[in-house]
């Protein structure tokens, strides 16, 4: 490994932080790190790794948005509740950096569901389903990132 590989690896670590902590676009950073490495190495194996990373990233983004949405729809969580959760998630992030987005999303979803159904007993299960959907979304992005990094590591060892 040379200096470029180390910098690319560090950028990937920052990308993983961005997946868990919604400050940075995690998966795009990991993909961009592979792009930088490919442009620097200028070898055929690098371009193959970039092509695979691109397909993986696109698939990960697609699944990240489709699967949690379906999961919440099947659980009966409405779009308006999700939007309320997103709005309070953004507000929560501004009030309490990092964890505020999760707390705000949970609170917004709960309040919207509570207004919709009228009781805590009915609103809370929908809120839990929405939180599980967030965990699924993060899990998909983490797994996609790990797969891209593994592909890159195979490329690094192949070129060396």
C-alpha atoms as a PDB file:
ATOM      1  CA  UNK A   1       0.000   0.000   0.000  1.00  0.00           C
ATOM      2  CA  UNK A   2       1.247   3.459  -0.839  1.00  0.00           C
ATOM      3  CA  UNK A   3       0.199   6.914   0.324  1.00  0.00           C
ATOM      4  CA  UNK A   4      -2.748   7.111  -2.066  1.00  0.00           C
ATOM      5  CA  UNK A   5      -4.127   3.833  -0.733  1.00  0.00           C
ATOM      6  CA  UNK A   6      -3.885   5.132   2.832  1.00  0.00           C
ATOM      7  CA  UNK A   7      -5.671   8.396   1.959  1.00  0.00           C
ATOM      8  CA  UNK A   8      -8.367   6.465   0.082  1.00  0.00           C
ATOM      9  CA  UNK A   9      -8.773   4.125   3.060  1.00  0.00           C
ATOM     10  CA  UNK A  10      -9.134   7.094   5.422  1.00  0.00           C
ATOM     11  CA  UNK A  11     -11.740   8.650   3.128  1.00  0.00           C
ATOM     12  CA  UNK A  12     -13.633   5.363   3.262  1.00  0.00           C
ATOM     13  CA  UNK A  13     -13.532   5.432   7.071  1.00  0.00           C
ATOM     14  CA  UNK A  14     -14.995   8.951   6.957  1.00  0.00           C
ATOM     15  CA  UNK A  15     -17.664   7.557   4.627  1.00  0.00           C
ATOM     16  CA  UNK A  16     -18.600   4.908   7.196  1.00  0.00           C
ATOM     17  CA  UNK A  17     -18.870   7.588   9.867  1.00  0.00           C
ATOM     18  CA  UNK A  18     -21.178   9.457   7.482  1.00  0.00           C
ATOM     19  CA  UNK A  19     -23.410   6.401   7.175  1.00  0.00           C
ATOM     20  CA  UNK A  20     -23.950   6.139  10.917  1.00  0.00           C
ATOM     21  CA  UNK A  21     -23.806   9.850  11.731  1.00  0.00           C
ATOM     22  CA  UNK A  22     -25.926  11.745   9.213  1.00  0.00           C
ATOM     23  CA  UNK A  23     -23.486  14.623   8.784  1.00  0.00           C
ATOM     24  CA  UNK A  24     -21.808  13.404   5.627  1.00  0.00           C
ATOM     25  CA  UNK A  25     -22.986  11.463   2.576  1.00  0.00           C
ATOM     26  CA  UNK A  26     -21.420   8.148   3.565  1.00  0.00           C
ATOM     27  CA  UNK A  27     -21.909   5.910   0.563  1.00  0.00           C
ATOM     28  CA  UNK A  28     -21.060   8.622  -1.990  1.00  0.00           C
ATOM     29  CA  UNK A  29     -17.815   9.303  -0.072  1.00  0.00           C
ATOM     30  CA  UNK A  30     -16.864   5.636  -0.176  1.00  0.00           C
ATOM     31  CA  UNK A  31     -17.612   5.513  -3.901  1.00  0.00           C
ATOM     32  CA  UNK A  32     -15.671   8.761  -4.475  1.00  0.00           C
ATOM     33  CA  UNK A  33     -12.689   7.236  -2.667  1.00  0.00           C
ATOM     34  CA  UNK A  34     -12.725   4.349  -5.152  1.00  0.00           C
ATOM     35  CA  UNK A  35     -12.954   6.885  -7.994  1.00  0.00           C
ATOM     36  CA  UNK A  36      -9.904   8.774  -6.674  1.00  0.00           C
ATOM     37  CA  UNK A  37      -7.977   5.519  -6.350  1.00  0.00           C
ATOM     38  CA  UNK A  38      -8.958   4.462  -9.879  1.00  0.00           C
ATOM     39  CA  UNK A  39      -7.921   7.787 -11.386  1.00  0.00           C
ATOM     40  CA  UNK A  40      -4.631   7.622  -9.514  1.00  0.00           C
ATOM     41  CA  UNK A  41      -3.759   4.022 -10.412  1.00  0.00           C
ATOM     42  CA  UNK A  42      -4.842   4.236 -14.074  1.00  0.00           C
ATOM     43  CA  UNK A  43      -4.867   0.463 -14.443  1.00  0.00           C
ATOM     44  CA  UNK A  44      -7.444  -1.841 -15.968  1.00  0.00           C
ATOM     45  CA  UNK A  45      -8.100  -3.559 -12.630  1.00  0.00           C
ATOM     46  CA  UNK A  46      -8.852  -0.152 -11.115  1.00  0.00           C
ATOM     47  CA  UNK A  47     -11.497   0.558 -13.732  1.00  0.00           C
ATOM     48  CA  UNK A  48     -13.058  -2.855 -13.134  1.00  0.00           C
ATOM     49  CA  UNK A  49     -13.160  -2.133  -9.394  1.00  0.00           C
ATOM     50  CA  UNK A  50     -14.762   1.266 -10.082  1.00  0.00           C
ATOM     51  CA  UNK A  51     -17.391  -0.314 -12.339  1.00  0.00           C
ATOM     52  CA  UNK A  52     -18.249  -2.902  -9.685  1.00  0.00           C
ATOM     53  CA  UNK A  53     -18.300  -0.215  -6.966  1.00  0.00           C
ATOM     54  CA  UNK A  54     -20.625   1.915  -9.098  1.00  0.00           C
ATOM     55  CA  UNK A  55     -23.086  -0.931  -9.627  1.00  0.00           C
ATOM     56  CA  UNK A  56     -22.965  -1.794  -5.916  1.00  0.00           C
ATOM     57  CA  UNK A  57     -23.472   1.839  -4.877  1.00  0.00           C
ATOM     58  CA  UNK A  58     -26.430   2.304  -7.211  1.00  0.00           C
ATOM     59  CA  UNK A  59     -27.983  -0.949  -6.035  1.00  0.00           C
ATOM     60  CA  UNK A  60     -27.418   0.042  -2.405  1.00  0.00           C
ATOM     61  CA  UNK A  61     -29.032   3.452  -2.884  1.00  0.00           C
ATOM     62  CA  UNK A  62     -31.993   1.881  -4.663  1.00  0.00           C
ATOM     63  CA  UNK A  63     -32.509  -0.732  -1.951  1.00  0.00           C
ATOM     64  CA  UNK A  64     -31.972   1.849   0.790  1.00  0.00           C
ATOM     65  CA  UNK A  65     -34.966   3.810  -0.426  1.00  0.00           C
ATOM     66  CA  UNK A  66     -37.238   1.007  -1.630  1.00  0.00           C
ATOM     67  CA  UNK A  67     -37.065  -1.593   1.134  1.00  0.00           C
ATOM     68  CA  UNK A  68     -37.625   0.607   4.216  1.00  0.00           C
ATOM     69  CA  UNK A  69     -40.497   2.386   2.446  1.00  0.00           C
ATOM     70  CA  UNK A  70     -42.203  -0.902   1.674  1.00  0.00           C
ATOM     71  CA  UNK A  71     -41.545  -2.093   5.201  1.00  0.00           C
ATOM     72  CA  UNK A  72     -43.235   0.979   6.673  1.00  0.00           C
ATOM     73  CA  UNK A  73     -46.137   0.843   4.203  1.00  0.00           C
ATOM     74  CA  UNK A  74     -46.811  -2.796   5.122  1.00  0.00           C
ATOM     75  CA  UNK A  75     -46.765  -1.806   8.798  1.00  0.00           C
ATOM     76  CA  UNK A  76     -49.346   0.923   8.119  1.00  0.00           C
ATOM     77  CA  UNK A  77     -47.062   3.921   8.654  1.00  0.00           C
ATOM     78  CA  UNK A  78     -48.408   6.678   6.420  1.00  0.00           C
ATOM     79  CA  UNK A  79     -46.395   9.017   4.235  1.00  0.00           C
ATOM     80  CA  UNK A  80     -47.559  11.972   6.327  1.00  0.00           C
ATOM     81  CA  UNK A  81     -46.139  10.330   9.454  1.00  0.00           C
ATOM     82  CA  UNK A  82     -42.849   9.712   7.676  1.00  0.00           C
ATOM     83  CA  UNK A  83     -42.716  13.335   6.506  1.00  0.00           C
ATOM     84  CA  UNK A  84     -43.474  14.557  10.039  1.00  0.00           C
ATOM     85  CA  UNK A  85     -40.687  12.314  11.296  1.00  0.00           C
ATOM     86  CA  UNK A  86     -38.273  13.689   8.700  1.00  0.00           C
ATOM     87  CA  UNK A  87     -39.125  17.304   9.544  1.00  0.00           C
ATOM     88  CA  UNK A  88     -38.671  16.780  13.276  1.00  0.00           C
ATOM     89  CA  UNK A  89     -35.565  14.699  12.545  1.00  0.00           C
ATOM     90  CA  UNK A  90     -33.979  17.685  10.812  1.00  0.00           C
ATOM     91  CA  UNK A  91     -35.040  19.967  13.662  1.00  0.00           C
ATOM     92  CA  UNK A  92     -33.717  17.453  16.181  1.00  0.00           C
ATOM     93  CA  UNK A  93     -30.386  17.327  14.385  1.00  0.00           C
ATOM     94  CA  UNK A  94     -30.076  21.104  14.678  1.00  0.00           C
ATOM     95  CA  UNK A  95     -30.936  21.047  18.393  1.00  0.00           C
ATOM     96  CA  UNK A  96     -28.945  17.947  19.385  1.00  0.00           C
ATOM     97  CA  UNK A  97     -26.288  17.167  16.775  1.00  0.00           C
ATOM     98  CA  UNK A  98     -25.942  13.530  15.718  1.00  0.00           C
ATOM     99  CA  UNK A  99     -28.524  11.769  17.926  1.00  0.00           C
ATOM    100  CA  UNK A 100     -31.151  14.483  17.511  1.00  0.00           C
ATOM    101  CA  UNK A 101     -32.022  13.269  14.029  1.00  0.00           C
ATOM    102  CA  UNK A 102     -33.047   9.866  15.389  1.00  0.00           C
ATOM    103  CA  UNK A 103     -34.890  11.296  18.377  1.00  0.00           C
ATOM    104  CA  UNK A 104     -36.644  13.880  16.209  1.00  0.00           C
ATOM    105  CA  UNK A 105     -37.663  11.275  13.647  1.00  0.00           C
ATOM    106  CA  UNK A 106     -39.087   9.014  16.345  1.00  0.00           C
ATOM    107  CA  UNK A 107     -40.940  11.891  17.997  1.00  0.00           C
ATOM    108  CA  UNK A 108     -42.310  13.242  14.710  1.00  0.00           C
ATOM    109  CA  UNK A 109     -43.498   9.828  13.578  1.00  0.00           C
ATOM    110  CA  UNK A 110     -45.058   9.109  16.956  1.00  0.00           C
ATOM    111  CA  UNK A 111     -46.876  12.455  17.123  1.00  0.00           C
ATOM    112  CA  UNK A 112     -48.227  12.117  13.582  1.00  0.00           C
ATOM    113  CA  UNK A 113     -49.391   8.560  14.246  1.00  0.00           C
ATOM    114  CA  UNK A 114     -50.883   9.593  17.597  1.00  0.00           C
ATOM    115  CA  UNK A 115     -52.871  12.368  15.912  1.00  0.00           C
ATOM    116  CA  UNK A 116     -53.964   9.953  13.186  1.00  0.00           C
ATOM    117  CA  UNK A 117     -55.050   7.031  15.416  1.00  0.00           C
ATOM    118  CA  UNK A 118     -55.710   8.809  18.698  1.00  0.00           C
ATOM    119  CA  UNK A 119     -54.114   6.395  21.172  1.00  0.00           C
ATOM    120  CA  UNK A 120     -50.636   5.618  22.393  1.00  0.00           C
ATOM    121  CA  UNK A 121     -51.293   1.881  22.137  1.00  0.00           C
ATOM    122  CA  UNK A 122     -51.869   2.170  18.388  1.00  0.00           C
ATOM    123  CA  UNK A 123     -49.311   4.893  17.611  1.00  0.00           C
ATOM    124  CA  UNK A 124     -46.344   3.278  19.348  1.00  0.00           C
ATOM    125  CA  UNK A 125     -46.189   0.073  17.240  1.00  0.00           C
ATOM    126  CA  UNK A 126     -46.159   2.180  14.058  1.00  0.00           C
ATOM    127  CA  UNK A 127     -43.357   4.290  15.493  1.00  0.00           C
ATOM    128  CA  UNK A 128     -41.344   1.170  16.316  1.00  0.00           C
ATOM    129  CA  UNK A 129     -41.819  -0.048  12.738  1.00  0.00           C
ATOM    130  CA  UNK A 130     -40.549   3.295  11.429  1.00  0.00           C
ATOM    131  CA  UNK A 131     -37.463   3.022  13.656  1.00  0.00           C
ATOM    132  CA  UNK A 132     -36.852  -0.514  12.413  1.00  0.00           C
ATOM    133  CA  UNK A 133     -37.068   0.829   8.865  1.00  0.00           C
ATOM    134  CA  UNK A 134     -34.369   3.398   9.694  1.00  0.00           C
ATOM    135  CA  UNK A 135     -32.184   0.623  11.094  1.00  0.00           C
ATOM    136  CA  UNK A 136     -32.775  -1.372   7.902  1.00  0.00           C
ATOM    137  CA  UNK A 137     -31.794   1.637   5.799  1.00  0.00           C
ATOM    138  CA  UNK A 138     -28.569   2.139   7.753  1.00  0.00           C
ATOM    139  CA  UNK A 139     -27.855  -1.587   7.586  1.00  0.00           C
ATOM    140  CA  UNK A 140     -28.275  -1.641   3.812  1.00  0.00           C
ATOM    141  CA  UNK A 141     -25.932   1.311   3.441  1.00  0.00           C
ATOM    142  CA  UNK A 142     -23.336  -0.224   5.784  1.00  0.00           C
ATOM    143  CA  UNK A 143     -23.448  -3.559   3.975  1.00  0.00           C
ATOM    144  CA  UNK A 144     -23.133  -1.810   0.627  1.00  0.00           C
ATOM    145  CA  UNK A 145     -20.186   0.225   1.907  1.00  0.00           C
ATOM    146  CA  UNK A 146     -18.480  -2.890   3.273  1.00  0.00           C
ATOM    147  CA  UNK A 147     -18.974  -4.670  -0.040  1.00  0.00           C
ATOM    148  CA  UNK A 148     -17.478  -1.733  -1.950  1.00  0.00           C
ATOM    149  CA  UNK A 149     -14.503  -1.550   0.427  1.00  0.00           C
ATOM    150  CA  UNK A 150     -13.957  -5.302   0.109  1.00  0.00           C
ATOM    151  CA  UNK A 151     -14.019  -4.960  -3.676  1.00  0.00           C
ATOM    152  CA  UNK A 152     -11.487  -2.122  -3.430  1.00  0.00           C
ATOM    153  CA  UNK A 153      -9.217  -4.155  -1.133  1.00  0.00           C
ATOM    154  CA  UNK A 154      -9.264  -7.017  -3.633  1.00  0.00           C
ATOM    155  CA  UNK A 155      -8.330  -4.498  -6.323  1.00  0.00           C
ATOM    156  CA  UNK A 156      -5.499  -3.049  -4.231  1.00  0.00           C
ATOM    157  CA  UNK A 157      -4.012  -6.483  -3.584  1.00  0.00           C
ATOM    158  CA  UNK A 158      -4.462  -7.502  -7.234  1.00  0.00           C
ATOM    159  CA  UNK A 159      -2.624  -4.452  -8.547  1.00  0.00           C
ATOM    160  CA  UNK A 160       0.195  -4.652  -5.984  1.00  0.00           C
END
